[in-house]
Amino acid sequence: MKLKQLGSNQTEVQTGRYNVLFSYETPVAVYDNDLNEYLVTSTKHSVTTSKHINAWLPSGNRHSEQQREQEFFDRLVTIS
């Protein structure tokens, strides 16, 4: 596992399969290395968190990526 500070209040945790973006202390997006796809939370968070997500995505747009409920991300980091 590797922890990478991306900026103020934004961190990426890299595991074997997943790269997980945290905004503040909340996991909000994932890159799945096995499936080669990005998943983002469908939950509306703060403006700053939306900026963190958009800056992290290669498309720069959270709505162009597959969305999942926030619970998906919460469960992912509890079992990883």
Protein backbone atom coordinates (compact mmCIF):
# COMPACT_ATOMS: atom_id res chain seq x y z
CA MET A 1 0.00 0.00 0.00
CA LYS A 2 1.26 3.47 -0.83
CA LEU A 3 0.01 6.81 0.47
CA LYS A 4 0.39 9.81 -1.84
CA GLN A 5 -0.42 13.38 -0.76
CA LEU A 6 -1.89 15.17 -3.79
CA GLY A 7 -2.58 18.52 -2.23
CA SER A 8 -4.27 20.17 0.67
CA ASN A 9 -6.91 17.77 2.04
CA GLN A 10 -6.56 15.35 -0.87
CA THR A 11 -4.80 12.01 -0.70
CA GLU A 12 -4.51 8.94 -2.89
CA VAL A 13 -4.05 5.48 -1.41
CA GLN A 14 -2.65 2.96 -3.85
CA THR A 15 -3.20 -0.74 -3.26
CA GLY A 16 -2.55 -3.61 -5.64
CA ARG A 17 -5.87 -3.22 -7.43
CA TYR A 18 -7.24 0.17 -6.46
CA ASN A 19 -6.14 3.79 -6.33
CA VAL A 20 -8.54 5.49 -3.94
CA LEU A 21 -8.96 9.26 -3.82
CA PHE A 22 -9.75 10.74 -0.42
CA SER A 23 -11.04 14.25 -0.07
CA TYR A 24 -10.46 15.23 3.53
CA GLU A 25 -11.10 11.86 5.23
CA THR A 26 -13.74 10.58 2.81
CA PRO A 27 -13.10 8.15 -0.06
CA VAL A 28 -14.81 9.71 -3.09
CA ALA A 29 -13.33 8.09 -6.21
CA VAL A 30 -11.50 4.93 -7.26
CA TYR A 31 -9.41 3.81 -10.18
CA ASP A 32 -9.71 0.04 -10.64
CA ASN A 33 -6.40 -1.13 -12.14
CA ASP A 34 -7.80 -4.56 -13.08
CA LEU A 35 -10.79 -3.18 -14.98
CA ASN A 36 -9.05 0.02 -16.13
CA GLU A 37 -11.97 2.22 -15.08
CA TYR A 38 -12.72 5.16 -12.80
CA LEU A 39 -15.65 5.17 -10.38
CA VAL A 40 -16.85 8.27 -8.57
CA THR A 41 -19.32 8.88 -5.79
CA SER A 42 -22.82 9.92 -6.77
CA THR A 43 -23.14 11.79 -3.48
CA LYS A 44 -22.96 15.55 -3.68
CA HIS A 45 -20.19 16.70 -1.37
CA SER A 46 -18.70 20.17 -0.98
CA VAL A 47 -17.53 22.35 -3.84
CA THR A 48 -13.96 21.66 -2.77
CA THR A 49 -14.46 17.90 -2.86
CA SER A 50 -15.96 18.18 -6.34
CA LYS A 51 -12.86 20.10 -7.41
CA HIS A 52 -10.64 17.38 -5.92
CA ILE A 53 -12.51 14.71 -7.89
CA ASN A 54 -12.48 16.64 -11.15
CA ALA A 55 -8.76 17.41 -10.85
CA TRP A 56 -7.99 13.73 -10.18
CA LEU A 57 -9.97 12.32 -13.11
CA PRO A 58 -8.26 12.22 -16.49
CA SER A 59 -11.48 13.45 -18.12
CA GLY A 60 -11.74 16.30 -15.62
CA ASN A 61 -15.46 15.63 -15.25
CA ARG A 62 -17.00 13.45 -12.55
CA HIS A 63 -20.21 13.02 -14.57
CA SER A 64 -18.44 11.32 -17.47
CA GLU A 65 -17.30 8.46 -15.21
CA GLN A 66 -19.30 5.61 -13.72
CA GLN A 67 -20.97 6.59 -10.49
CA ARG A 68 -21.57 4.53 -7.36
CA GLU A 69 -23.29 5.21 -4.06
CA GLN A 70 -21.03 6.55 -1.28
CA GLU A 71 -21.49 3.27 0.62
CA PHE A 72 -19.50 1.47 -2.12
CA PHE A 73 -16.42 3.59 -1.37
CA ASP A 74 -16.90 3.37 2.40
CA ARG A 75 -17.07 -0.44 2.23
CA LEU A 76 -14.11 -0.63 -0.13
CA VAL A 77 -11.75 1.10 2.26
CA THR A 78 -12.98 -0.86 5.26
CA ILE A 79 -12.19 -4.23 3.67
CA SER A 80 -9.04 -3.31 1.73
